[in-house]
């Protein structure tokens, strides 16, 4: 297990898997953890990095920001607001498709500082 040498911390609701944040290590854009790849039905991969997978919940504690749906969950996966922060969602209503970006933080920007009026020259 990749986290075997990292001390576990007491769970902080609603999260169940929490670690000692100083041992996990952090970088400017989140925690230094393995990226998580979610594959869609069409085979596209959405990559979730440390800034959207681990949440600092209190001093010294970081938790995996996913919630266990329990034994009788209705859907295979539900993406929460923490995973969607600083990602773009593209709604193609005509073709009934949803597109998504990876974290804008990795590109040196965020939703709050993104220039929505910029039009690139081609």
PDB file of N, CA and C in Angstrom:
ATOM      1  N   UNK A   1       0.853  -1.179   0.000  1.00  0.00           N
ATOM      2  CA  UNK A   1       0.000   0.000   0.000  1.00  0.00           C
ATOM      3  C   UNK A   1       0.895   1.236   0.000  1.00  0.00           C
ATOM      4  N   UNK A   2       0.596   2.194  -0.867  1.00  0.00           N
ATOM      5  CA  UNK A   2       1.424   3.386  -1.050  1.00  0.00           C
ATOM      6  C   UNK A   2       1.496   4.270   0.187  1.00  0.00           C
ATOM      7  N   UNK A   3       0.496   4.199   1.050  1.00  0.00           N
ATOM      8  CA  UNK A   3       0.463   5.068   2.237  1.00  0.00           C
ATOM      9  C   UNK A   3       0.908   4.349   3.505  1.00  0.00           C
ATOM     10  N   UNK A   4       1.450   3.177   3.383  1.00  0.00           N
ATOM     11  CA  UNK A   4       1.801   2.350   4.542  1.00  0.00           C
ATOM     12  C   UNK A   4       2.713   3.085   5.535  1.00  0.00           C
ATOM     13  N   UNK A   5       3.662   3.883   5.031  1.00  0.00           N
ATOM     14  CA  UNK A   5       4.606   4.557   5.918  1.00  0.00           C
ATOM     15  C   UNK A   5       4.111   5.921   6.406  1.00  0.00           C
ATOM     16  N   UNK A   6       2.918   6.339   5.987  1.00  0.00           N
ATOM     17  CA  UNK A   6       2.369   7.632   6.412  1.00  0.00           C
ATOM     18  C   UNK A   6       1.411   7.396   7.575  1.00  0.00           C
ATOM     19  N   UNK A   7       1.638   8.061   8.710  1.00  0.00           N
ATOM     20  CA  UNK A   7       0.753   7.857   9.863  1.00  0.00           C
ATOM     21  C   UNK A   7      -0.695   8.241   9.570  1.00  0.00           C
ATOM     22  N   UNK A   8      -1.600   7.349   9.958  1.00  0.00           N
ATOM     23  CA  UNK A   8      -3.038   7.625   9.847  1.00  0.00           C
ATOM     24  C   UNK A   8      -3.445   8.579  10.941  1.00  0.00           C
ATOM     25  N   UNK A   9      -4.419   9.420  10.630  1.00  0.00           N
ATOM     26  CA  UNK A   9      -4.975  10.343  11.602  1.00  0.00           C
ATOM     27  C   UNK A   9      -6.433   9.966  11.827  1.00  0.00           C
ATOM     28  N   UNK A  10      -6.989  10.469  12.916  1.00  0.00           N
ATOM     29  CA  UNK A  10      -8.388  10.209  13.230  1.00  0.00           C
ATOM     30  C   UNK A  10      -9.263  10.768  12.106  1.00  0.00           C
ATOM     31  N   UNK A  11     -10.262   9.998  11.688  1.00  0.00           N
ATOM     32  CA  UNK A  11     -11.166  10.427  10.624  1.00  0.00           C
ATOM     33  C   UNK A  11     -11.867  11.722  10.997  1.00  0.00           C
ATOM     34  N   UNK A  12     -12.102  12.543   9.994  1.00  0.00           N
ATOM     35  CA  UNK A  12     -12.832  13.793  10.160  1.00  0.00           C
ATOM     36  C   UNK A  12     -14.037  13.717   9.236  1.00  0.00           C
ATOM     37  N   UNK A  13     -15.217  13.705   9.800  1.00  0.00           N
ATOM     38  CA  UNK A  13     -16.444  13.558   9.004  1.00  0.00           C
ATOM     39  C   UNK A  13     -16.565  14.660   7.984  1.00  0.00           C
ATOM     40  N   UNK A  14     -16.959  14.356   6.782  1.00  0.00           N
ATOM     41  CA  UNK A  14     -17.512  13.094   6.308  1.00  0.00           C
ATOM     42  C   UNK A  14     -16.458  12.139   5.731  1.00  0.00           C
ATOM     43  N   UNK A  15     -15.175  12.459   5.893  1.00  0.00           N
ATOM     44  CA  UNK A  15     -14.111  11.661   5.288  1.00  0.00           C
ATOM     45  C   UNK A  15     -13.659  10.543   6.223  1.00  0.00           C
ATOM     46  N   UNK A  16     -13.247   9.418   5.633  1.00  0.00           N
ATOM     47  CA  UNK A  16     -12.862   8.274   6.461  1.00  0.00           C
ATOM     48  C   UNK A  16     -11.375   7.955   6.396  1.00  0.00           C
ATOM     49  N   UNK A  17     -10.682   8.413   5.352  1.00  0.00           N
ATOM     50  CA  UNK A  17      -9.266   8.087   5.202  1.00  0.00           C
ATOM     51  C   UNK A  17      -8.443   9.362   5.352  1.00  0.00           C
ATOM     52  N   UNK A  18      -7.804   9.522   6.511  1.00  0.00           N
ATOM     53  CA  UNK A  18      -7.050  10.736   6.808  1.00  0.00           C
ATOM     54  C   UNK A  18      -5.613  10.393   7.187  1.00  0.00           C
ATOM     55  N   UNK A  19      -4.696  11.261   6.781  1.00  0.00           N
ATOM     56  CA  UNK A  19      -3.273  11.052   6.990  1.00  0.00           C
ATOM     57  C   UNK A  19      -2.636  12.280   7.632  1.00  0.00           C
ATOM     58  N   UNK A  20      -1.452  12.074   8.176  1.00  0.00           N
ATOM     59  CA  UNK A  20      -0.684  13.178   8.745  1.00  0.00           C
ATOM     60  C   UNK A  20      -0.158  14.018   7.584  1.00  0.00           C
ATOM     61  N   UNK A  21      -0.640  15.251   7.471  1.00  0.00           N
ATOM     62  CA  UNK A  21      -0.365  16.066   6.288  1.00  0.00           C
ATOM     63  C   UNK A  21       1.111  16.422   6.130  1.00  0.00           C
ATOM     64  N   UNK A  22       1.840  16.572   7.213  1.00  0.00           N
ATOM     65  CA  UNK A  22       3.256  16.938   7.087  1.00  0.00           C
ATOM     66  C   UNK A  22       4.081  15.811   6.472  1.00  0.00           C
ATOM     67  N   UNK A  23       3.626  14.577   6.588  1.00  0.00           N
ATOM     68  CA  UNK A  23       4.335  13.439   6.006  1.00  0.00           C
ATOM     69  C   UNK A  23       3.915  13.228   4.554  1.00  0.00           C
ATOM     70  N   UNK A  24       2.652  13.556   4.238  1.00  0.00           N
ATOM     71  CA  UNK A  24       2.176  13.436   2.865  1.00  0.00           C
ATOM     72  C   UNK A  24       3.003  14.351   1.977  1.00  0.00           C
ATOM     73  N   UNK A  25       3.272  15.536   2.466  1.00  0.00           N
ATOM     74  CA  UNK A  25       4.033  16.514   1.691  1.00  0.00           C
ATOM     75  C   UNK A  25       3.120  17.320   0.795  1.00  0.00           C
ATOM     76  N   UNK A  26       3.375  18.598   0.700  1.00  0.00           N
ATOM     77  CA  UNK A  26       2.535  19.438  -0.133  1.00  0.00           C
ATOM     78  C   UNK A  26       3.393  20.234  -1.104  1.00  0.00           C
ATOM     79  N   UNK A  27       2.755  20.667  -2.138  1.00  0.00           N
ATOM     80  CA  UNK A  27       3.365  21.531  -3.135  1.00  0.00           C
ATOM     81  C   UNK A  27       2.443  22.733  -3.267  1.00  0.00           C
ATOM     82  N   UNK A  28       2.841  23.686  -4.059  1.00  0.00           N
ATOM     83  CA  UNK A  28       2.052  24.914  -4.211  1.00  0.00           C
ATOM     84  C   UNK A  28       0.613  24.639  -4.611  1.00  0.00           C
ATOM     85  N   UNK A  29       0.388  23.605  -5.401  1.00  0.00           N
ATOM     86  CA  UNK A  29      -0.939  23.343  -5.948  1.00  0.00           C
ATOM     87  C   UNK A  29      -1.651  22.172  -5.276  1.00  0.00           C
ATOM     88  N   UNK A  30      -1.324  21.870  -4.048  1.00  0.00           N
ATOM     89  CA  UNK A  30      -2.010  20.788  -3.349  1.00  0.00           C
ATOM     90  C   UNK A  30      -1.029  19.826  -2.721  1.00  0.00           C
ATOM     91  N   UNK A  31      -1.491  18.643  -2.447  1.00  0.00           N
ATOM     92  CA  UNK A  31      -0.654  17.632  -1.809  1.00  0.00           C
ATOM     93  C   UNK A  31       0.079  16.797  -2.848  1.00  0.00           C
ATOM     94  N   UNK A  32       1.240  16.305  -2.452  1.00  0.00           N
ATOM     95  CA  UNK A  32       2.060  15.474  -3.346  1.00  0.00           C
ATOM     96  C   UNK A  32       1.566  14.033  -3.227  1.00  0.00           C
ATOM     97  N   UNK A  33       0.547  13.730  -3.991  1.00  0.00           N
ATOM     98  CA  UNK A  33      -0.036  12.390  -3.976  1.00  0.00           C
ATOM     99  C   UNK A  33      -0.204  11.910  -5.418  1.00  0.00           C
ATOM    100  N   UNK A  34      -0.412  10.645  -5.572  1.00  0.00           N
ATOM    101  CA  UNK A  34      -0.635  10.047  -6.881  1.00  0.00           C
ATOM    102  C   UNK A  34      -1.906  10.615  -7.508  1.00  0.00           C
ATOM    103  N   UNK A  35      -1.849  10.867  -8.799  1.00  0.00           N
ATOM    104  CA  UNK A  35      -3.035  11.336  -9.514  1.00  0.00           C
ATOM    105  C   UNK A  35      -4.032  10.199  -9.636  1.00  0.00           C
ATOM    106  N   UNK A  36      -5.295  10.562  -9.650  1.00  0.00           N
ATOM    107  CA  UNK A  36      -6.376   9.586  -9.782  1.00  0.00           C
ATOM    108  C   UNK A  36      -6.979   9.762 -11.163  1.00  0.00           C
ATOM    109  N   UNK A  37      -7.089   8.680 -11.907  1.00  0.00           N
ATOM    110  CA  UNK A  37      -7.682   8.730 -13.243  1.00  0.00           C
ATOM    111  C   UNK A  37      -9.031   8.050 -13.235  1.00  0.00           C
ATOM    112  N   UNK A  38     -10.063   8.793 -13.616  1.00  0.00           N
ATOM    113  CA  UNK A  38     -11.402   8.231 -13.729  1.00  0.00           C
ATOM    114  C   UNK A  38     -11.714   8.063 -15.213  1.00  0.00           C
ATOM    115  N   UNK A  39     -12.096   6.860 -15.598  1.00  0.00           N
ATOM    116  CA  UNK A  39     -12.373   6.579 -17.003  1.00  0.00           C
ATOM    117  C   UNK A  39     -13.869   6.619 -17.261  1.00  0.00           C
ATOM    118  N   UNK A  40     -14.251   7.375 -18.285  1.00  0.00           N
ATOM    119  CA  UNK A  40     -15.657   7.464 -18.659  1.00  0.00           C
ATOM    120  C   UNK A  40     -16.045   6.263 -19.514  1.00  0.00           C
ATOM    121  N   UNK A  41     -17.321   6.132 -19.763  1.00  0.00           N
ATOM    122  CA  UNK A  41     -17.827   5.039 -20.576  1.00  0.00           C
ATOM    123  C   UNK A  41     -17.230   5.059 -21.979  1.00  0.00           C
ATOM    124  N   UNK A  42     -16.898   6.265 -22.481  1.00  0.00           N
ATOM    125  CA  UNK A  42     -16.335   6.385 -23.830  1.00  0.00           C
ATOM    126  C   UNK A  42     -14.814   6.217 -23.844  1.00  0.00           C
ATOM    127  N   UNK A  43     -14.219   5.969 -22.679  1.00  0.00           N
ATOM    128  CA  UNK A  43     -12.785   5.728 -22.612  1.00  0.00           C
ATOM    129  C   UNK A  43     -11.933   6.954 -22.318  1.00  0.00           C
ATOM    130  N   UNK A  44     -12.552   8.121 -22.171  1.00  0.00           N
ATOM    131  CA  UNK A  44     -11.811   9.334 -21.819  1.00  0.00           C
ATOM    132  C   UNK A  44     -11.405   9.263 -20.358  1.00  0.00           C
ATOM    133  N   UNK A  45     -10.240   9.837 -20.051  1.00  0.00           N
ATOM    134  CA  UNK A  45      -9.733   9.827 -18.677  1.00  0.00           C
ATOM    135  C   UNK A  45      -9.789  11.239 -18.106  1.00  0.00           C
ATOM    136  N   UNK A  46     -10.374  11.381 -16.934  1.00  0.00           N
ATOM    137  CA  UNK A  46     -10.362  12.648 -16.192  1.00  0.00           C
ATOM    138  C   UNK A  46      -9.363  12.463 -15.064  1.00  0.00           C
ATOM    139  N   UNK A  47      -8.313  13.277 -15.064  1.00  0.00           N
ATOM    140  CA  UNK A  47      -7.265  13.163 -14.066  1.00  0.00           C
ATOM    141  C   UNK A  47      -7.530  14.120 -12.914  1.00  0.00           C
ATOM    142  N   UNK A  48      -7.546  13.565 -11.718  1.00  0.00           N
ATOM    143  CA  UNK A  48      -7.729  14.365 -10.500  1.00  0.00           C
ATOM    144  C   UNK A  48      -6.407  14.363  -9.754  1.00  0.00           C
ATOM    145  N   UNK A  49      -5.839  15.548  -9.563  1.00  0.00           N
ATOM    146  CA  UNK A  49      -4.546  15.654  -8.888  1.00  0.00           C
ATOM    147  C   UNK A  49      -4.737  15.981  -7.410  1.00  0.00           C
ATOM    148  N   UNK A  50      -3.620  16.143  -6.708  1.00  0.00           N
ATOM    149  CA  UNK A  50      -3.642  16.341  -5.262  1.00  0.00           C
ATOM    150  C   UNK A  50      -4.461  17.518  -4.791  1.00  0.00           C
ATOM    151  N   UNK A  51      -4.556  18.584  -5.606  1.00  0.00           N
ATOM    152  CA  UNK A  51      -5.330  19.742  -5.187  1.00  0.00           C
ATOM    153  C   UNK A  51      -6.824  19.446  -5.148  1.00  0.00           C
ATOM    154  N   UNK A  52      -7.273  18.381  -5.798  1.00  0.00           N
ATOM    155  CA  UNK A  52      -8.690  18.015  -5.796  1.00  0.00           C
ATOM    156  C   UNK A  52      -8.973  16.647  -5.188  1.00  0.00           C
ATOM    157  N   UNK A  53      -7.941  15.989  -4.661  1.00  0.00           N
ATOM    158  CA  UNK A  53      -8.185  14.669  -4.073  1.00  0.00           C
ATOM    159  C   UNK A  53      -7.919  14.632  -2.563  1.00  0.00           C
ATOM    160  N   UNK A  54      -7.027  15.465  -2.082  1.00  0.00           N
ATOM    161  CA  UNK A  54      -6.725  15.518  -0.646  1.00  0.00           C
ATOM    162  C   UNK A  54      -7.111  16.888  -0.119  1.00  0.00           C
ATOM    163  N   UNK A  55      -7.821  16.913   0.990  1.00  0.00           N
ATOM    164  CA  UNK A  55      -8.285  18.173   1.586  1.00  0.00           C
ATOM    165  C   UNK A  55      -7.705  18.325   2.984  1.00  0.00           C
ATOM    166  N   UNK A  56      -7.088  19.489   3.232  1.00  0.00           N
ATOM    167  CA  UNK A  56      -6.610  19.795   4.577  1.00  0.00           C
ATOM    168  C   UNK A  56      -7.845  20.110   5.421  1.00  0.00           C
ATOM    169  N   UNK A  57      -8.091  19.307   6.428  1.00  0.00           N
ATOM    170  CA  UNK A  57      -9.308  19.464   7.218  1.00  0.00           C
ATOM    171  C   UNK A  57      -9.057  20.124   8.572  1.00  0.00           C
ATOM    172  N   UNK A  58      -7.850  20.025   9.051  1.00  0.00           N
ATOM    173  CA  UNK A  58      -7.438  20.726  10.264  1.00  0.00           C
ATOM    174  C   UNK A  58      -5.919  20.671  10.322  1.00  0.00           C
ATOM    175  N   UNK A  59      -5.357  21.393  11.236  1.00  0.00           N
ATOM    176  CA  UNK A  59      -3.909  21.464  11.339  1.00  0.00           C
ATOM    177  C   UNK A  59      -3.317  20.064  11.514  1.00  0.00           C
ATOM    178  N   UNK A  60      -2.480  19.673  10.569  1.00  0.00           N
ATOM    179  CA  UNK A  60      -1.810  18.386  10.665  1.00  0.00           C
ATOM    180  C   UNK A  60      -2.545  17.222  10.052  1.00  0.00           C
ATOM    181  N   UNK A  61      -3.753  17.446   9.522  1.00  0.00           N
ATOM    182  CA  UNK A  61      -4.542  16.350   8.971  1.00  0.00           C
ATOM    183  C   UNK A  61      -5.038  16.668   7.575  1.00  0.00           C
ATOM    184  N   UNK A  62      -4.818  15.721   6.670  1.00  0.00           N
ATOM    185  CA  UNK A  62      -5.354  15.813   5.304  1.00  0.00           C
ATOM    186  C   UNK A  62      -6.125  14.533   5.024  1.00  0.00           C
ATOM    187  N   UNK A  63      -7.287  14.677   4.420  1.00  0.00           N
ATOM    188  CA  UNK A  63      -8.130  13.511   4.149  1.00  0.00           C
ATOM    189  C   UNK A  63      -8.371  13.347   2.658  1.00  0.00           C
ATOM    190  N   UNK A  64      -8.503  12.091   2.256  1.00  0.00           N
ATOM    191  CA  UNK A  64      -8.903  11.792   0.892  1.00  0.00           C
ATOM    192  C   UNK A  64     -10.324  12.317   0.736  1.00  0.00           C
ATOM    193  N   UNK A  65     -10.527  13.240  -0.183  1.00  0.00           N
ATOM    194  CA  UNK A  65     -11.796  13.974  -0.281  1.00  0.00           C
ATOM    195  C   UNK A  65     -12.834  13.239  -1.123  1.00  0.00           C
ATOM    196  N   UNK A  66     -13.025  11.979  -0.805  1.00  0.00           N
ATOM    197  CA  UNK A  66     -14.061  11.169  -1.427  1.00  0.00           C
ATOM    198  C   UNK A  66     -14.874  10.543  -0.300  1.00  0.00           C
ATOM    199  N   UNK A  67     -16.153  10.380  -0.529  1.00  0.00           N
ATOM    200  CA  UNK A  67     -17.037   9.847   0.510  1.00  0.00           C
ATOM    201  C   UNK A  67     -17.521   8.472   0.091  1.00  0.00           C
ATOM    202  N   UNK A  68     -17.457   7.539   1.021  1.00  0.00           N
ATOM    203  CA  UNK A  68     -17.930   6.177   0.775  1.00  0.00           C
ATOM    204  C   UNK A  68     -19.448   6.211   0.625  1.00  0.00           C
ATOM    205  N   UNK A  69     -19.939   5.731  -0.509  1.00  0.00           N
ATOM    206  CA  UNK A  69     -21.376   5.741  -0.776  1.00  0.00           C
ATOM    207  C   UNK A  69     -22.146   4.658  -0.043  1.00  0.00           C
ATOM    208  N   UNK A  70     -21.454   3.774   0.648  1.00  0.00           N
ATOM    209  CA  UNK A  70     -22.139   2.721   1.383  1.00  0.00           C
ATOM    210  C   UNK A  70     -22.435   1.500   0.532  1.00  0.00           C
ATOM    211  N   UNK A  71     -23.047   0.517   1.137  1.00  0.00           N
ATOM    212  CA  UNK A  71     -23.325  -0.741   0.463  1.00  0.00           C
ATOM    213  C   UNK A  71     -24.485  -0.658  -0.529  1.00  0.00           C
ATOM    214  N   UNK A  72     -25.388   0.294  -0.330  1.00  0.00           N
ATOM    215  CA  UNK A  72     -26.576   0.374  -1.189  1.00  0.00           C
ATOM    216  C   UNK A  72     -26.600   1.661  -2.005  1.00  0.00           C
ATOM    217  N   UNK A  73     -25.433   2.086  -2.492  1.00  0.00           N
ATOM    218  CA  UNK A  73     -25.397   3.311  -3.286  1.00  0.00           C
ATOM    219  C   UNK A  73     -26.120   3.104  -4.611  1.00  0.00           C
ATOM    220  N   UNK A  74     -26.738   4.188  -5.102  1.00  0.00           N
ATOM    221  CA  UNK A  74     -27.514   4.116  -6.338  1.00  0.00           C
ATOM    222  C   UNK A  74     -26.635   4.242  -7.571  1.00  0.00           C
ATOM    223  N   UNK A  75     -25.596   5.055  -7.513  1.00  0.00           N
ATOM    224  CA  UNK A  75     -24.735   5.302  -8.664  1.00  0.00           C
ATOM    225  C   UNK A  75     -23.334   4.784  -8.385  1.00  0.00           C
ATOM    226  N   UNK A  76     -22.610   4.428  -9.448  1.00  0.00           N
ATOM    227  CA  UNK A  76     -21.256   3.904  -9.290  1.00  0.00           C
ATOM    228  C   UNK A  76     -20.327   4.949  -8.697  1.00  0.00           C
ATOM    229  N   UNK A  77     -20.500   6.214  -9.087  1.00  0.00           N
ATOM    230  CA  UNK A  77     -19.635   7.274  -8.580  1.00  0.00           C
ATOM    231  C   UNK A  77     -20.382   8.606  -8.662  1.00  0.00           C
ATOM    232  N   UNK A  78     -20.183   9.425  -7.686  1.00  0.00           N
ATOM    233  CA  UNK A  78     -20.729  10.774  -7.676  1.00  0.00           C
ATOM    234  C   UNK A  78     -19.551  11.709  -7.467  1.00  0.00           C
ATOM    235  N   UNK A  79     -19.355  12.635  -8.394  1.00  0.00           N
ATOM    236  CA  UNK A  79     -18.254  13.587  -8.291  1.00  0.00           C
ATOM    237  C   UNK A  79     -18.726  14.754  -7.439  1.00  0.00           C
ATOM    238  N   UNK A  80     -17.971  15.062  -6.410  1.00  0.00           N
ATOM    239  CA  UNK A  80     -18.332  16.140  -5.507  1.00  0.00           C
ATOM    240  C   UNK A  80     -17.768  17.480  -5.931  1.00  0.00           C
ATOM    241  N   UNK A  81     -18.189  18.501  -5.219  1.00  0.00           N
ATOM    242  CA  UNK A  81     -17.746  19.853  -5.547  1.00  0.00           C
ATOM    243  C   UNK A  81     -16.247  20.024  -5.348  1.00  0.00           C
ATOM    244  N   UNK A  82     -15.660  19.304  -4.409  1.00  0.00           N
ATOM    245  CA  UNK A  82     -14.222  19.451  -4.179  1.00  0.00           C
ATOM    246  C   UNK A  82     -13.426  18.956  -5.381  1.00  0.00           C
ATOM    247  N   UNK A  83     -13.868  17.888  -6.017  1.00  0.00           N
ATOM    248  CA  UNK A  83     -13.181  17.376  -7.198  1.00  0.00           C
ATOM    249  C   UNK A  83     -13.381  18.316  -8.393  1.00  0.00           C
ATOM    250  N   UNK A  84     -14.463  19.060  -8.415  1.00  0.00           N
ATOM    251  CA  UNK A  84     -14.753  19.928  -9.549  1.00  0.00           C
ATOM    252  C   UNK A  84     -14.149  21.330  -9.425  1.00  0.00           C
ATOM    253  N   UNK A  85     -13.662  21.697  -8.237  1.00  0.00           N
ATOM    254  CA  UNK A  85     -13.093  23.032  -8.068  1.00  0.00           C
ATOM    255  C   UNK A  85     -11.945  23.257  -9.036  1.00  0.00           C
ATOM    256  N   UNK A  86     -11.934  24.425  -9.659  1.00  0.00           N
ATOM    257  CA  UNK A  86     -10.895  24.841 -10.600  1.00  0.00           C
ATOM    258  C   UNK A  86     -10.741  23.903 -11.787  1.00  0.00           C
ATOM    259  N   UNK A  87     -11.848  23.360 -12.232  1.00  0.00           N
ATOM    260  CA  UNK A  87     -11.940  22.592 -13.465  1.00  0.00           C
ATOM    261  C   UNK A  87     -13.040  23.223 -14.300  1.00  0.00           C
ATOM    262  N   UNK A  88     -12.890  23.182 -15.595  1.00  0.00           N
ATOM    263  CA  UNK A  88     -13.961  23.637 -16.474  1.00  0.00           C
ATOM    264  C   UNK A  88     -14.838  22.462 -16.847  1.00  0.00           C
ATOM    265  N   UNK A  89     -16.133  22.700 -16.900  1.00  0.00           N
ATOM    266  CA  UNK A  89     -17.090  21.730 -17.415  1.00  0.00           C
ATOM    267  C   UNK A  89     -17.647  22.301 -18.704  1.00  0.00           C
ATOM    268  N   UNK A  90     -17.707  21.476 -19.737  1.00  0.00           N
ATOM    269  CA  UNK A  90     -18.207  21.895 -21.040  1.00  0.00           C
ATOM    270  C   UNK A  90     -19.510  21.154 -21.306  1.00  0.00           C
ATOM    271  N   UNK A  91     -20.598  21.890 -21.412  1.00  0.00           N
ATOM    272  CA  UNK A  91     -21.902  21.288 -21.656  1.00  0.00           C
ATOM    273  C   UNK A  91     -22.245  21.427 -23.140  1.00  0.00           C
ATOM    274  N   UNK A  92     -22.266  20.312 -23.847  1.00  0.00           N
ATOM    275  CA  UNK A  92     -22.644  20.282 -25.256  1.00  0.00           C
ATOM    276  C   UNK A  92     -24.084  19.776 -25.307  1.00  0.00           C
ATOM    277  N   UNK A  93     -25.027  20.710 -25.251  1.00  0.00           N
ATOM    278  CA  UNK A  93     -26.432  20.331 -25.170  1.00  0.00           C
ATOM    279  C   UNK A  93     -26.935  19.676 -26.456  1.00  0.00           C
ATOM    280  N   UNK A  94     -26.441  20.148 -27.594  1.00  0.00           N
ATOM    281  CA  UNK A  94     -26.885  19.589 -28.869  1.00  0.00           C
ATOM    282  C   UNK A  94     -26.557  18.096 -28.954  1.00  0.00           C
ATOM    283  N   UNK A  95     -25.336  17.731 -28.558  1.00  0.00           N
ATOM    284  CA  UNK A  95     -24.908  16.335 -28.649  1.00  0.00           C
ATOM    285  C   UNK A  95     -25.073  15.571 -27.340  1.00  0.00           C
ATOM    286  N   UNK A  96     -25.625  16.215 -26.341  1.00  0.00           N
ATOM    287  CA  UNK A  96     -25.853  15.627 -25.022  1.00  0.00           C
ATOM    288  C   UNK A  96     -24.575  15.013 -24.454  1.00  0.00           C
ATOM    289  N   UNK A  97     -23.512  15.828 -24.437  1.00  0.00           N
ATOM    290  CA  UNK A  97     -22.223  15.383 -23.910  1.00  0.00           C
ATOM    291  C   UNK A  97     -21.717  16.366 -22.880  1.00  0.00           C
ATOM    292  N   UNK A  98     -20.901  15.848 -21.985  1.00  0.00           N
ATOM    293  CA  UNK A  98     -20.250  16.661 -20.966  1.00  0.00           C
ATOM    294  C   UNK A  98     -18.745  16.494 -21.109  1.00  0.00           C
ATOM    295  N   UNK A  99     -18.047  17.595 -21.194  1.00  0.00           N
ATOM    296  CA  UNK A  99     -16.589  17.562 -21.247  1.00  0.00           C
ATOM    297  C   UNK A  99     -16.030  18.192 -19.996  1.00  0.00           C
ATOM    298  N   UNK A 100     -14.764  17.943 -19.704  1.00  0.00           N
ATOM    299  CA  UNK A 100     -14.158  18.479 -18.495  1.00  0.00           C
ATOM    300  C   UNK A 100     -12.671  18.685 -18.710  1.00  0.00           C
ATOM    301  N   UNK A 101     -12.131  19.644 -17.974  1.00  0.00           N
ATOM    302  CA  UNK A 101     -10.690  19.894 -18.026  1.00  0.00           C
ATOM    303  C   UNK A 101     -10.054  19.216 -16.825  1.00  0.00           C
ATOM    304  N   UNK A 102      -8.732  19.171 -16.819  1.00  0.00           N
ATOM    305  CA  UNK A 102      -8.044  18.814 -15.589  1.00  0.00           C
ATOM    306  C   UNK A 102      -7.855  20.112 -14.816  1.00  0.00           C
ATOM    307  N   UNK A 103      -7.252  20.058 -13.673  1.00  0.00           N
ATOM    308  CA  UNK A 103      -7.152  21.228 -12.794  1.00  0.00           C
ATOM    309  C   UNK A 103      -6.490  22.415 -13.474  1.00  0.00           C
ATOM    310  N   UNK A 104      -7.124  23.560 -13.355  1.00  0.00           N
ATOM    311  CA  UNK A 104      -6.543  24.804 -13.873  1.00  0.00           C
ATOM    312  C   UNK A 104      -5.332  25.220 -13.053  1.00  0.00           C
ATOM    313  N   UNK A 105      -5.262  24.784 -11.796  1.00  0.00           N
ATOM    314  CA  UNK A 105      -4.127  25.142 -10.939  1.00  0.00           C
ATOM    315  C   UNK A 105      -2.818  24.636 -11.533  1.00  0.00           C
ATOM    316  N   UNK A 106      -2.859  23.476 -12.166  1.00  0.00           N
ATOM    317  CA  UNK A 106      -1.663  22.925 -12.801  1.00  0.00           C
ATOM    318  C   UNK A 106      -1.222  23.776 -13.989  1.00  0.00           C
ATOM    319  N   UNK A 107      -2.138  24.599 -14.487  1.00  0.00           N
ATOM    320  CA  UNK A 107      -1.834  25.500 -15.602  1.00  0.00           C
ATOM    321  C   UNK A 107      -1.507  26.909 -15.122  1.00  0.00           C
ATOM    322  N   UNK A 108      -1.379  27.068 -13.811  1.00  0.00           N
ATOM    323  CA  UNK A 108      -1.003  28.358 -13.246  1.00  0.00           C
ATOM    324  C   UNK A 108      -2.138  29.367 -13.157  1.00  0.00           C
ATOM    325  N   UNK A 109      -3.378  28.889 -13.185  1.00  0.00           N
ATOM    326  CA  UNK A 109      -4.515  29.796 -13.042  1.00  0.00           C
ATOM    327  C   UNK A 109      -5.605  29.095 -12.237  1.00  0.00           C
ATOM    328  N   UNK A 110      -6.709  29.759 -12.034  1.00  0.00           N
ATOM    329  CA  UNK A 110      -7.847  29.175 -11.325  1.00  0.00           C
ATOM    330  C   UNK A 110      -9.120  29.774 -11.913  1.00  0.00           C
ATOM    331  N   UNK A 111     -10.253  29.234 -11.523  1.00  0.00           N
ATOM    332  CA  UNK A 111     -11.511  29.773 -12.037  1.00  0.00           C
ATOM    333  C   UNK A 111     -11.682  31.233 -11.616  1.00  0.00           C
ATOM    334  N   UNK A 112     -11.264  31.569 -10.400  1.00  0.00           N
ATOM    335  CA  UNK A 112     -11.449  32.937  -9.916  1.00  0.00           C
ATOM    336  C   UNK A 112     -10.530  33.944 -10.607  1.00  0.00           C
ATOM    337  N   UNK A 113      -9.430  33.490 -11.195  1.00  0.00           N
ATOM    338  CA  UNK A 113      -8.525  34.425 -11.869  1.00  0.00           C
ATOM    339  C   UNK A 113      -8.440  34.192 -13.372  1.00  0.00           C
ATOM    340  N   UNK A 114      -9.271  33.310 -13.895  1.00  0.00           N
ATOM    341  CA  UNK A 114      -9.231  33.000 -15.326  1.00  0.00           C
ATOM    342  C   UNK A 114      -9.787  34.168 -16.140  1.00  0.00           C
ATOM    343  N   UNK A 115      -9.154  34.483 -17.252  1.00  0.00           N
ATOM    344  CA  UNK A 115      -9.593  35.567 -18.125  1.00  0.00           C
ATOM    345  C   UNK A 115     -10.584  35.017 -19.140  1.00  0.00           C
ATOM    346  N   UNK A 116     -11.866  35.173 -18.849  1.00  0.00           N
ATOM    347  CA  UNK A 116     -12.909  34.645 -19.723  1.00  0.00           C
ATOM    348  C   UNK A 116     -13.118  35.502 -20.970  1.00  0.00           C
ATOM    349  N   UNK A 117     -12.523  36.686 -21.017  1.00  0.00           N
ATOM    350  CA  UNK A 117     -12.702  37.562 -22.172  1.00  0.00           C
ATOM    351  C   UNK A 117     -11.590  37.396 -23.200  1.00  0.00           C
ATOM    352  N   UNK A 118     -10.538  36.657 -22.879  1.00  0.00           N
ATOM    353  CA  UNK A 118      -9.407  36.460 -23.784  1.00  0.00           C
ATOM    354  C   UNK A 118      -9.826  35.589 -24.965  1.00  0.00           C
ATOM    355  N   UNK A 119      -9.546  36.046 -26.165  1.00  0.00           N
ATOM    356  CA  UNK A 119      -9.822  35.272 -27.376  1.00  0.00           C
ATOM    357  C   UNK A 119      -8.478  35.019 -28.053  1.00  0.00           C
ATOM    358  N   UNK A 120      -8.040  33.754 -28.130  1.00  0.00           N
ATOM    359  CA  UNK A 120      -6.744  33.473 -28.751  1.00  0.00           C
ATOM    360  C   UNK A 120      -6.758  33.772 -30.243  1.00  0.00           C
ATOM    361  N   UNK A 121      -5.608  34.203 -30.751  1.00  0.00           N
ATOM    362  CA  UNK A 121      -5.471  34.460 -32.186  1.00  0.00           C
ATOM    363  C   UNK A 121      -5.047  33.181 -32.879  1.00  0.00           C
ATOM    364  N   UNK A 122      -5.650  32.892 -34.005  1.00  0.00           N
ATOM    365  CA  UNK A 122      -5.310  31.688 -34.759  1.00  0.00           C
ATOM    366  C   UNK A 122      -4.640  32.047 -36.044  1.00  0.00           C
TER     367      UNK A 122
END
